[in-house]
Amino acid sequence: MKELTAKEVEQMLNEGKDLNIIDVRETDEVAAGKIPGAENIPLGLLEFRMHELDPSKEYVMVCRSGGRSGRAVQFLESRGFQVINMSGGMLSWEGKTE
């Protein structure tokens, strides 16, 4: 499983890289703050909403601590998607939130 740290994701965003970030936390968790531009698709809905994702793009998966996003990475990888887990999740995020 490919992984990036929260710091690496933050650096990439600060450098202007266009990242496709999917936050798999529940909507009430996301309401407390998410990475700017991240799309919220709760893990339990991922199977039903993966048609919204473009198989030609790479996605960075985010959750609270890295566990649920890790499961999301395994699920999407098994279906041919290019995905990276943000290790440490939002608990490690020190950047801006919205």
PDB file of N, CA and C in Angstrom:
ATOM      1  N   MET A   1       0.843  -1.184   0.000  1.00  0.00           N
ATOM      2  CA  MET A   1       0.000   0.000   0.000  1.00  0.00           C
ATOM      3  C   MET A   1       0.888   1.248   0.000  1.00  0.00           C
ATOM      4  N   LYS A   2       0.620   2.139  -0.944  1.00  0.00           N
ATOM      5  CA  LYS A   2       1.369   3.391  -0.977  1.00  0.00           C
ATOM      6  C   LYS A   2       0.859   4.301   0.135  1.00  0.00           C
ATOM      7  N   GLU A   3       1.783   4.992   0.798  1.00  0.00           N
ATOM      8  CA  GLU A   3       1.398   5.905   1.874  1.00  0.00           C
ATOM      9  C   GLU A   3       2.174   7.211   1.767  1.00  0.00           C
ATOM     10  N   LEU A   4       1.517   8.262   2.213  1.00  0.00           N
ATOM     11  CA  LEU A   4       2.150   9.566   2.388  1.00  0.00           C
ATOM     12  C   LEU A   4       1.849  10.006   3.815  1.00  0.00           C
ATOM     13  N   THR A   5       2.770  10.752   4.408  1.00  0.00           N
ATOM     14  CA  THR A   5       2.484  11.324   5.722  1.00  0.00           C
ATOM     15  C   THR A   5       1.622  12.569   5.534  1.00  0.00           C
ATOM     16  N   ALA A   6       0.991  13.009   6.609  1.00  0.00           N
ATOM     17  CA  ALA A   6       0.199  14.242   6.558  1.00  0.00           C
ATOM     18  C   ALA A   6       1.089  15.410   6.145  1.00  0.00           C
ATOM     19  N   LYS A   7       2.321  15.428   6.627  1.00  0.00           N
ATOM     20  CA  LYS A   7       3.264  16.504   6.298  1.00  0.00           C
ATOM     21  C   LYS A   7       3.577  16.505   4.807  1.00  0.00           C
ATOM     22  N   GLU A   8       3.760  15.314   4.218  1.00  0.00           N
ATOM     23  CA  GLU A   8       4.040  15.222   2.778  1.00  0.00           C
ATOM     24  C   GLU A   8       2.856  15.721   1.951  1.00  0.00           C
ATOM     25  N   VAL A   9       1.645  15.364   2.372  1.00  0.00           N
ATOM     26  CA  VAL A   9       0.441  15.834   1.666  1.00  0.00           C
ATOM     27  C   VAL A   9       0.354  17.354   1.767  1.00  0.00           C
ATOM     28  N   GLU A  10       0.597  17.882   2.957  1.00  0.00           N
ATOM     29  CA  GLU A  10       0.548  19.328   3.158  1.00  0.00           C
ATOM     30  C   GLU A  10       1.576  20.032   2.267  1.00  0.00           C
ATOM     31  N   GLN A  11       2.806  19.500   2.198  1.00  0.00           N
ATOM     32  CA  GLN A  11       3.851  20.088   1.356  1.00  0.00           C
ATOM     33  C   GLN A  11       3.437  20.083  -0.112  1.00  0.00           C
ATOM     34  N   MET A  12       2.863  18.976  -0.561  1.00  0.00           N
ATOM     35  CA  MET A  12       2.437  18.873  -1.958  1.00  0.00           C
ATOM     36  C   MET A  12       1.361  19.914  -2.268  1.00  0.00           C
ATOM     37  N   LEU A  13       0.412  20.094  -1.364  1.00  0.00           N
ATOM     38  CA  LEU A  13      -0.627  21.097  -1.560  1.00  0.00           C
ATOM     39  C   LEU A  13      -0.032  22.501  -1.568  1.00  0.00           C
ATOM     40  N   ASN A  14       0.916  22.761  -0.661  1.00  0.00           N
ATOM     41  CA  ASN A  14       1.567  24.068  -0.598  1.00  0.00           C
ATOM     42  C   ASN A  14       2.377  24.368  -1.858  1.00  0.00           C
ATOM     43  N   GLU A  15       2.858  23.314  -2.520  1.00  0.00           N
ATOM     44  CA  GLU A  15       3.616  23.477  -3.766  1.00  0.00           C
ATOM     45  C   GLU A  15       2.689  23.629  -4.965  1.00  0.00           C
ATOM     46  N   GLY A  16       1.377  23.580  -4.707  1.00  0.00           N
ATOM     47  CA  GLY A  16       0.412  23.768  -5.788  1.00  0.00           C
ATOM     48  C   GLY A  16       0.050  22.503  -6.543  1.00  0.00           C
ATOM     49  N   LYS A  17       0.456  21.349  -6.009  1.00  0.00           N
ATOM     50  CA  LYS A  17       0.087  20.096  -6.671  1.00  0.00           C
ATOM     51  C   LYS A  17      -1.425  19.894  -6.553  1.00  0.00           C
ATOM     52  N   ASP A  18      -2.009  19.394  -7.626  1.00  0.00           N
ATOM     53  CA  ASP A  18      -3.453  19.152  -7.661  1.00  0.00           C
ATOM     54  C   ASP A  18      -3.717  17.732  -7.162  1.00  0.00           C
ATOM     55  N   LEU A  19      -4.049  17.612  -5.885  1.00  0.00           N
ATOM     56  CA  LEU A  19      -4.308  16.296  -5.299  1.00  0.00           C
ATOM     57  C   LEU A  19      -5.811  16.043  -5.239  1.00  0.00           C
ATOM     58  N   ASN A  20      -6.181  14.799  -5.492  1.00  0.00           N
ATOM     59  CA  ASN A  20      -7.573  14.377  -5.356  1.00  0.00           C
ATOM     60  C   ASN A  20      -7.691  13.692  -3.999  1.00  0.00           C
ATOM     61  N   ILE A  21      -8.221  14.427  -3.019  1.00  0.00           N
ATOM     62  CA  ILE A  21      -8.278  13.914  -1.653  1.00  0.00           C
ATOM     63  C   ILE A  21      -9.702  13.481  -1.336  1.00  0.00           C
ATOM     64  N   ILE A  22      -9.827  12.256  -0.854  1.00  0.00           N
ATOM     65  CA  ILE A  22     -11.119  11.712  -0.434  1.00  0.00           C
ATOM     66  C   ILE A  22     -11.047  11.462   1.064  1.00  0.00           C
ATOM     67  N   ASP A  23     -11.944  12.104   1.801  1.00  0.00           N
ATOM     68  CA  ASP A  23     -12.035  11.942   3.254  1.00  0.00           C
ATOM     69  C   ASP A  23     -13.128  10.921   3.522  1.00  0.00           C
ATOM     70  N   VAL A  24     -12.753   9.776   4.107  1.00  0.00           N
ATOM     71  CA  VAL A  24     -13.709   8.691   4.309  1.00  0.00           C
ATOM     72  C   VAL A  24     -14.332   8.689   5.704  1.00  0.00           C
ATOM     73  N   ARG A  25     -14.146   9.787   6.454  1.00  0.00           N
ATOM     74  CA  ARG A  25     -14.786   9.881   7.766  1.00  0.00           C
ATOM     75  C   ARG A  25     -16.279  10.137   7.597  1.00  0.00           C
ATOM     76  N   GLU A  26     -17.013   9.959   8.690  1.00  0.00           N
ATOM     77  CA  GLU A  26     -18.447  10.249   8.679  1.00  0.00           C
ATOM     78  C   GLU A  26     -18.666  11.758   8.564  1.00  0.00           C
ATOM     79  N   THR A  27     -19.825  12.150   8.071  1.00  0.00           N
ATOM     80  CA  THR A  27     -20.095  13.572   7.816  1.00  0.00           C
ATOM     81  C   THR A  27     -19.979  14.424   9.071  1.00  0.00           C
ATOM     82  N   ASP A  28     -20.365  13.894  10.239  1.00  0.00           N
ATOM     83  CA  ASP A  28     -20.259  14.690  11.463  1.00  0.00           C
ATOM     84  C   ASP A  28     -18.796  14.918  11.847  1.00  0.00           C
ATOM     85  N   GLU A  29     -17.916  13.964  11.536  1.00  0.00           N
ATOM     86  CA  GLU A  29     -16.486  14.145  11.802  1.00  0.00           C
ATOM     87  C   GLU A  29     -15.899  15.201  10.868  1.00  0.00           C
ATOM     88  N   VAL A  30     -16.301  15.159   9.614  1.00  0.00           N
ATOM     89  CA  VAL A  30     -15.802  16.095   8.607  1.00  0.00           C
ATOM     90  C   VAL A  30     -16.260  17.515   8.923  1.00  0.00           C
ATOM     91  N   ALA A  31     -17.442  17.643   9.518  1.00  0.00           N
ATOM     92  CA  ALA A  31     -17.976  18.964   9.859  1.00  0.00           C
ATOM     93  C   ALA A  31     -17.054  19.714  10.818  1.00  0.00           C
ATOM     94  N   ALA A  32     -16.254  18.976  11.590  1.00  0.00           N
ATOM     95  CA  ALA A  32     -15.314  19.598  12.532  1.00  0.00           C
ATOM     96  C   ALA A  32     -14.072  20.131  11.830  1.00  0.00           C
ATOM     97  N   GLY A  33     -13.908  19.818  10.553  1.00  0.00           N
ATOM     98  CA  GLY A  33     -12.771  20.325   9.782  1.00  0.00           C
ATOM     99  C   GLY A  33     -12.196  19.268   8.869  1.00  0.00           C
ATOM    100  N   LYS A  34     -11.927  19.671   7.628  1.00  0.00           N
ATOM    101  CA  LYS A  34     -11.320  18.764   6.656  1.00  0.00           C
ATOM    102  C   LYS A  34     -10.244  19.503   5.878  1.00  0.00           C
ATOM    103  N   ILE A  35      -9.432  18.764   5.167  1.00  0.00           N
ATOM    104  CA  ILE A  35      -8.402  19.364   4.320  1.00  0.00           C
ATOM    105  C   ILE A  35      -9.116  20.140   3.219  1.00  0.00           C
ATOM    106  N   PRO A  36      -8.720  21.394   2.984  1.00  0.00           N
ATOM    107  CA  PRO A  36      -9.378  22.185   1.942  1.00  0.00           C
ATOM    108  C   PRO A  36      -9.402  21.452   0.593  1.00  0.00           C
ATOM    109  N   GLY A  37     -10.587  21.388   0.003  1.00  0.00           N
ATOM    110  CA  GLY A  37     -10.743  20.743  -1.295  1.00  0.00           C
ATOM    111  C   GLY A  37     -11.019  19.252  -1.235  1.00  0.00           C
ATOM    112  N   ALA A  38     -10.920  18.662  -0.053  1.00  0.00           N
ATOM    113  CA  ALA A  38     -11.177  17.221   0.070  1.00  0.00           C
ATOM    114  C   ALA A  38     -12.657  16.945  -0.142  1.00  0.00           C
ATOM    115  N   GLU A  39     -12.934  15.820  -0.784  1.00  0.00           N
ATOM    116  CA  GLU A  39     -14.314  15.385  -0.980  1.00  0.00           C
ATOM    117  C   GLU A  39     -14.638  14.346   0.088  1.00  0.00           C
ATOM    118  N   ASN A  40     -15.822  14.447   0.665  1.00  0.00           N
ATOM    119  CA  ASN A  40     -16.224  13.498   1.708  1.00  0.00           C
ATOM    120  C   ASN A  40     -17.058  12.373   1.110  1.00  0.00           C
ATOM    121  N   ILE A  41     -16.529  11.153   1.202  1.00  0.00           N
ATOM    122  CA  ILE A  41     -17.278   9.948   0.866  1.00  0.00           C
ATOM    123  C   ILE A  41     -17.074   8.994   2.039  1.00  0.00           C
ATOM    124  N   PRO A  42     -18.038   8.927   2.973  1.00  0.00           N
ATOM    125  CA  PRO A  42     -17.872   8.032   4.124  1.00  0.00           C
ATOM    126  C   PRO A  42     -17.545   6.600   3.691  1.00  0.00           C
ATOM    127  N   LEU A  43     -16.680   5.938   4.437  1.00  0.00           N
ATOM    128  CA  LEU A  43     -16.218   4.592   4.087  1.00  0.00           C
ATOM    129  C   LEU A  43     -17.385   3.655   3.776  1.00  0.00           C
ATOM    130  N   GLY A  44     -18.447   3.725   4.575  1.00  0.00           N
ATOM    131  CA  GLY A  44     -19.592   2.842   4.362  1.00  0.00           C
ATOM    132  C   GLY A  44     -20.319   3.076   3.050  1.00  0.00           C
ATOM    133  N   LEU A  45     -20.112   4.231   2.427  1.00  0.00           N
ATOM    134  CA  LEU A  45     -20.775   4.557   1.160  1.00  0.00           C
ATOM    135  C   LEU A  45     -19.840   4.418  -0.039  1.00  0.00           C
ATOM    136  N   LEU A  46     -18.569   4.137   0.207  1.00  0.00           N
ATOM    137  CA  LEU A  46     -17.566   4.119  -0.861  1.00  0.00           C
ATOM    138  C   LEU A  46     -17.935   3.149  -1.981  1.00  0.00           C
ATOM    139  N   GLU A  47     -18.380   1.965  -1.609  1.00  0.00           N
ATOM    140  CA  GLU A  47     -18.739   0.954  -2.613  1.00  0.00           C
ATOM    141  C   GLU A  47     -19.839   1.471  -3.542  1.00  0.00           C
ATOM    142  N   PHE A  48     -20.763   2.264  -3.000  1.00  0.00           N
ATOM    143  CA  PHE A  48     -21.902   2.744  -3.768  1.00  0.00           C
ATOM    144  C   PHE A  48     -21.605   4.040  -4.523  1.00  0.00           C
ATOM    145  N   ARG A  49     -20.515   4.707  -4.149  1.00  0.00           N
ATOM    146  CA  ARG A  49     -20.173   5.986  -4.787  1.00  0.00           C
ATOM    147  C   ARG A  49     -18.881   5.941  -5.587  1.00  0.00           C
ATOM    148  N   MET A  50     -18.272   4.748  -5.710  1.00  0.00           N
ATOM    149  CA  MET A  50     -16.991   4.703  -6.417  1.00  0.00           C
ATOM    150  C   MET A  50     -17.150   5.039  -7.895  1.00  0.00           C
ATOM    151  N   HIS A  51     -18.379   4.989  -8.427  1.00  0.00           N
ATOM    152  CA  HIS A  51     -18.612   5.405  -9.817  1.00  0.00           C
ATOM    153  C   HIS A  51     -18.326   6.901 -10.009  1.00  0.00           C
ATOM    154  N   GLU A  52     -18.266   7.665  -8.900  1.00  0.00           N
ATOM    155  CA  GLU A  52     -17.957   9.095  -8.963  1.00  0.00           C
ATOM    156  C   GLU A  52     -16.459   9.340  -9.153  1.00  0.00           C
ATOM    157  N   LEU A  53     -15.661   8.303  -8.947  1.00  0.00           N
ATOM    158  CA  LEU A  53     -14.205   8.429  -9.041  1.00  0.00           C
ATOM    159  C   LEU A  53     -13.733   8.068 -10.448  1.00  0.00           C
ATOM    160  N   ASP A  54     -12.676   8.730 -10.892  1.00  0.00           N
ATOM    161  CA  ASP A  54     -12.099   8.521 -12.215  1.00  0.00           C
ATOM    162  C   ASP A  54     -10.924   7.550 -12.092  1.00  0.00           C
ATOM    163  N   PRO A  55     -11.034   6.356 -12.703  1.00  0.00           N
ATOM    164  CA  PRO A  55      -9.957   5.363 -12.584  1.00  0.00           C
ATOM    165  C   PRO A  55      -8.605   5.838 -13.121  1.00  0.00           C
ATOM    166  N   SER A  56      -8.598   6.890 -13.944  1.00  0.00           N
ATOM    167  CA  SER A  56      -7.331   7.382 -14.499  1.00  0.00           C
ATOM    168  C   SER A  56      -6.624   8.355 -13.555  1.00  0.00           C
ATOM    169  N   LYS A  57      -7.301   8.752 -12.464  1.00  0.00           N
ATOM    170  CA  LYS A  57      -6.703   9.684 -11.502  1.00  0.00           C
ATOM    171  C   LYS A  57      -6.191   8.935 -10.279  1.00  0.00           C
ATOM    172  N   GLU A  58      -5.267   9.589  -9.579  1.00  0.00           N
ATOM    173  CA  GLU A  58      -4.751   9.038  -8.329  1.00  0.00           C
ATOM    174  C   GLU A  58      -5.438   9.766  -7.167  1.00  0.00           C
ATOM    175  N   TYR A  59      -5.815   9.026  -6.147  1.00  0.00           N
ATOM    176  CA  TYR A  59      -6.533   9.592  -5.004  1.00  0.00           C
ATOM    177  C   TYR A  59      -5.753   9.390  -3.714  1.00  0.00           C
ATOM    178  N   VAL A  60      -5.833  10.397  -2.838  1.00  0.00           N
ATOM    179  CA  VAL A  60      -5.254  10.302  -1.501  1.00  0.00           C
ATOM    180  C   VAL A  60      -6.418  10.111  -0.539  1.00  0.00           C
ATOM    181  N   MET A  61      -6.393   9.004   0.205  1.00  0.00           N
ATOM    182  CA  MET A  61      -7.481   8.678   1.128  1.00  0.00           C
ATOM    183  C   MET A  61      -7.114   9.134   2.539  1.00  0.00           C
ATOM    184  N   VAL A  62      -8.086   9.764   3.216  1.00  0.00           N
ATOM    185  CA  VAL A  62      -7.861  10.353   4.543  1.00  0.00           C
ATOM    186  C   VAL A  62      -8.977   9.923   5.485  1.00  0.00           C
ATOM    187  N   CYS A  63      -8.636   9.658   6.754  1.00  0.00           N
ATOM    188  CA  CYS A  63      -9.636   9.454   7.811  1.00  0.00           C
ATOM    189  C   CYS A  63      -9.095  10.093   9.085  1.00  0.00           C
ATOM    190  N   ARG A  64      -9.567   9.647  10.233  1.00  0.00           N
ATOM    191  CA  ARG A  64      -9.131  10.250  11.490  1.00  0.00           C
ATOM    192  C   ARG A  64      -7.699   9.860  11.836  1.00  0.00           C
ATOM    193  N   SER A  65      -7.388   8.546  11.747  1.00  0.00           N
ATOM    194  CA  SER A  65      -6.066   8.085  12.183  1.00  0.00           C
ATOM    195  C   SER A  65      -5.308   7.275  11.133  1.00  0.00           C
ATOM    196  N   GLY A  66      -5.939   6.922  10.030  1.00  0.00           N
ATOM    197  CA  GLY A  66      -5.274   6.148   8.980  1.00  0.00           C
ATOM    198  C   GLY A  66      -5.803   4.743   8.798  1.00  0.00           C
ATOM    199  N   GLY A  67      -6.634   4.267   9.722  1.00  0.00           N
ATOM    200  CA  GLY A  67      -7.167   2.901   9.631  1.00  0.00           C
ATOM    201  C   GLY A  67      -8.251   2.744   8.584  1.00  0.00           C
ATOM    202  N   ARG A  68      -9.283   3.574   8.662  1.00  0.00           N
ATOM    203  CA  ARG A  68     -10.374   3.483   7.685  1.00  0.00           C
ATOM    204  C   ARG A  68      -9.888   3.824   6.284  1.00  0.00           C
ATOM    205  N   SER A  69      -9.005   4.812   6.185  1.00  0.00           N
ATOM    206  CA  SER A  69      -8.487   5.160   4.859  1.00  0.00           C
ATOM    207  C   SER A  69      -7.645   4.012   4.305  1.00  0.00           C
ATOM    208  N   GLY A  70      -6.974   3.280   5.170  1.00  0.00           N
ATOM    209  CA  GLY A  70      -6.226   2.097   4.740  1.00  0.00           C
ATOM    210  C   GLY A  70      -7.153   1.035   4.159  1.00  0.00           C
ATOM    211  N   ARG A  71      -8.303   0.842   4.811  1.00  0.00           N
ATOM    212  CA  ARG A  71      -9.293  -0.109   4.288  1.00  0.00           C
ATOM    213  C   ARG A  71      -9.848   0.381   2.948  1.00  0.00           C
ATOM    214  N   ALA A  72     -10.053   1.694   2.839  1.00  0.00           N
ATOM    215  CA  ALA A  72     -10.550   2.273   1.585  1.00  0.00           C
ATOM    216  C   ALA A  72      -9.532   2.053   0.462  1.00  0.00           C
ATOM    217  N   VAL A  73      -8.242   2.218   0.785  1.00  0.00           N
ATOM    218  CA  VAL A  73      -7.186   1.999  -0.209  1.00  0.00           C
ATOM    219  C   VAL A  73      -7.223   0.551  -0.699  1.00  0.00           C
ATOM    220  N   GLN A  74      -7.299  -0.407   0.224  1.00  0.00           N
ATOM    221  CA  GLN A  74      -7.331  -1.817  -0.160  1.00  0.00           C
ATOM    222  C   GLN A  74      -8.549  -2.113  -1.035  1.00  0.00           C
ATOM    223  N   PHE A  75      -9.704  -1.572  -0.651  1.00  0.00           N
ATOM    224  CA  PHE A  75     -10.940  -1.790  -1.407  1.00  0.00           C
ATOM    225  C   PHE A  75     -10.810  -1.238  -2.830  1.00  0.00           C
ATOM    226  N   LEU A  76     -10.357   0.013  -2.948  1.00  0.00           N
ATOM    227  CA  LEU A  76     -10.268   0.648  -4.264  1.00  0.00           C
ATOM    228  C   LEU A  76      -9.146   0.058  -5.114  1.00  0.00           C
ATOM    229  N   GLU A  77      -8.023  -0.297  -4.480  1.00  0.00           N
ATOM    230  CA  GLU A  77      -6.922  -0.940  -5.224  1.00  0.00           C
ATOM    231  C   GLU A  77      -7.402  -2.237  -5.861  1.00  0.00           C
ATOM    232  N   SER A  78      -8.214  -2.997  -5.138  1.00  0.00           N
ATOM    233  CA  SER A  78      -8.692  -4.277  -5.652  1.00  0.00           C
ATOM    234  C   SER A  78      -9.643  -4.089  -6.833  1.00  0.00           C
ATOM    235  N   ARG A  79     -10.086  -2.851  -7.042  1.00  0.00           N
ATOM    236  CA  ARG A  79     -10.973  -2.536  -8.164  1.00  0.00           C
ATOM    237  C   ARG A  79     -10.270  -1.689  -9.225  1.00  0.00           C
ATOM    238  N   GLY A  80      -8.932  -1.669  -9.155  1.00  0.00           N
ATOM    239  CA  GLY A  80      -8.144  -1.049 -10.203  1.00  0.00           C
ATOM    240  C   GLY A  80      -7.850   0.436 -10.053  1.00  0.00           C
ATOM    241  N   PHE A  81      -8.198   1.028  -8.909  1.00  0.00           N
ATOM    242  CA  PHE A  81      -7.933   2.447  -8.703  1.00  0.00           C
ATOM    243  C   PHE A  81      -6.512   2.667  -8.197  1.00  0.00           C
ATOM    244  N   GLN A  82      -5.973   3.859  -8.479  1.00  0.00           N
ATOM    245  CA  GLN A  82      -4.660   4.269  -7.973  1.00  0.00           C
ATOM    246  C   GLN A  82      -4.912   5.103  -6.720  1.00  0.00           C
ATOM    247  N   VAL A  83      -4.534   4.564  -5.575  1.00  0.00           N
ATOM    248  CA  VAL A  83      -4.838   5.229  -4.311  1.00  0.00           C
ATOM    249  C   VAL A  83      -3.650   5.210  -3.357  1.00  0.00           C
ATOM    250  N   ILE A  84      -3.590   6.237  -2.520  1.00  0.00           N
ATOM    251  CA  ILE A  84      -2.527   6.390  -1.529  1.00  0.00           C
ATOM    252  C   ILE A  84      -3.190   6.659  -0.184  1.00  0.00           C
ATOM    253  N   ASN A  85      -2.693   6.032   0.861  1.00  0.00           N
ATOM    254  CA  ASN A  85      -3.208   6.271   2.208  1.00  0.00           C
ATOM    255  C   ASN A  85      -2.410   7.392   2.871  1.00  0.00           C
ATOM    256  N   MET A  86      -3.125   8.348   3.497  1.00  0.00           N
ATOM    257  CA  MET A  86      -2.433   9.363   4.293  1.00  0.00           C
ATOM    258  C   MET A  86      -2.289   8.796   5.703  1.00  0.00           C
ATOM    259  N   SER A  87      -1.076   8.332   6.023  1.00  0.00           N
ATOM    260  CA  SER A  87      -0.835   7.707   7.323  1.00  0.00           C
ATOM    261  C   SER A  87      -0.982   8.730   8.446  1.00  0.00           C
ATOM    262  N   GLY A  88      -1.534   8.285   9.545  1.00  0.00           N
ATOM    263  CA  GLY A  88      -1.735   9.179  10.691  1.00  0.00           C
ATOM    264  C   GLY A  88      -3.034   9.951  10.639  1.00  0.00           C
ATOM    265  N   GLY A  89      -3.627  10.044   9.456  1.00  0.00           N
ATOM    266  CA  GLY A  89      -4.918  10.703   9.296  1.00  0.00           C
ATOM    267  C   GLY A  89      -4.944  12.141   9.788  1.00  0.00           C
ATOM    268  N   MET A  90      -6.154  12.615  10.062  1.00  0.00           N
ATOM    269  CA  MET A  90      -6.344  13.998  10.482  1.00  0.00           C
ATOM    270  C   MET A  90      -5.729  14.278  11.855  1.00  0.00           C
ATOM    271  N   LEU A  91      -5.482  13.234  12.642  1.00  0.00           N
ATOM    272  CA  LEU A  91      -4.807  13.439  13.932  1.00  0.00           C
ATOM    273  C   LEU A  91      -3.397  13.983  13.723  1.00  0.00           C
ATOM    274  N   SER A  92      -2.806  13.690  12.557  1.00  0.00           N
ATOM    275  CA  SER A  92      -1.448  14.157  12.245  1.00  0.00           C
ATOM    276  C   SER A  92      -1.447  15.435  11.412  1.00  0.00           C
ATOM    277  N   TRP A  93      -2.599  15.865  10.960  1.00  0.00           N
ATOM    278  CA  TRP A  93      -2.689  17.030  10.063  1.00  0.00           C
ATOM    279  C   TRP A  93      -2.451  18.324  10.827  1.00  0.00           C
ATOM    280  N   GLU A  94      -1.494  19.112  10.349  1.00  0.00           N
ATOM    281  CA  GLU A  94      -1.198  20.407  10.976  1.00  0.00           C
ATOM    282  C   GLU A  94      -1.517  21.566  10.048  1.00  0.00           C
ATOM    283  N   GLY A  95      -1.968  21.255   8.829  1.00  0.00           N
ATOM    284  CA  GLY A  95      -2.259  22.297   7.853  1.00  0.00           C
ATOM    285  C   GLY A  95      -3.619  22.935   8.077  1.00  0.00           C
ATOM    286  N   LYS A  96      -4.012  23.745   7.084  1.00  0.00           N
ATOM    287  CA  LYS A  96      -5.299  24.442   7.155  1.00  0.00           C
ATOM    288  C   LYS A  96      -6.452  23.446   7.038  1.00  0.00           C
ATOM    289  N   THR A  97      -7.575  23.807   7.617  1.00  0.00           N
ATOM    290  CA  THR A  97      -8.795  23.010   7.468  1.00  0.00           C
ATOM    291  C   THR A  97      -9.930  23.945   7.058  1.00  0.00           C
ATOM    292  N   GLU A  98     -10.967  23.341   6.535  1.00  0.00           N
ATOM    293  CA  GLU A  98     -12.172  24.113   6.185  1.00  0.00           C
ATOM    294  C   GLU A  98     -13.383  23.406   6.727  1.00  0.00           C
TER     295      GLU A  98
END
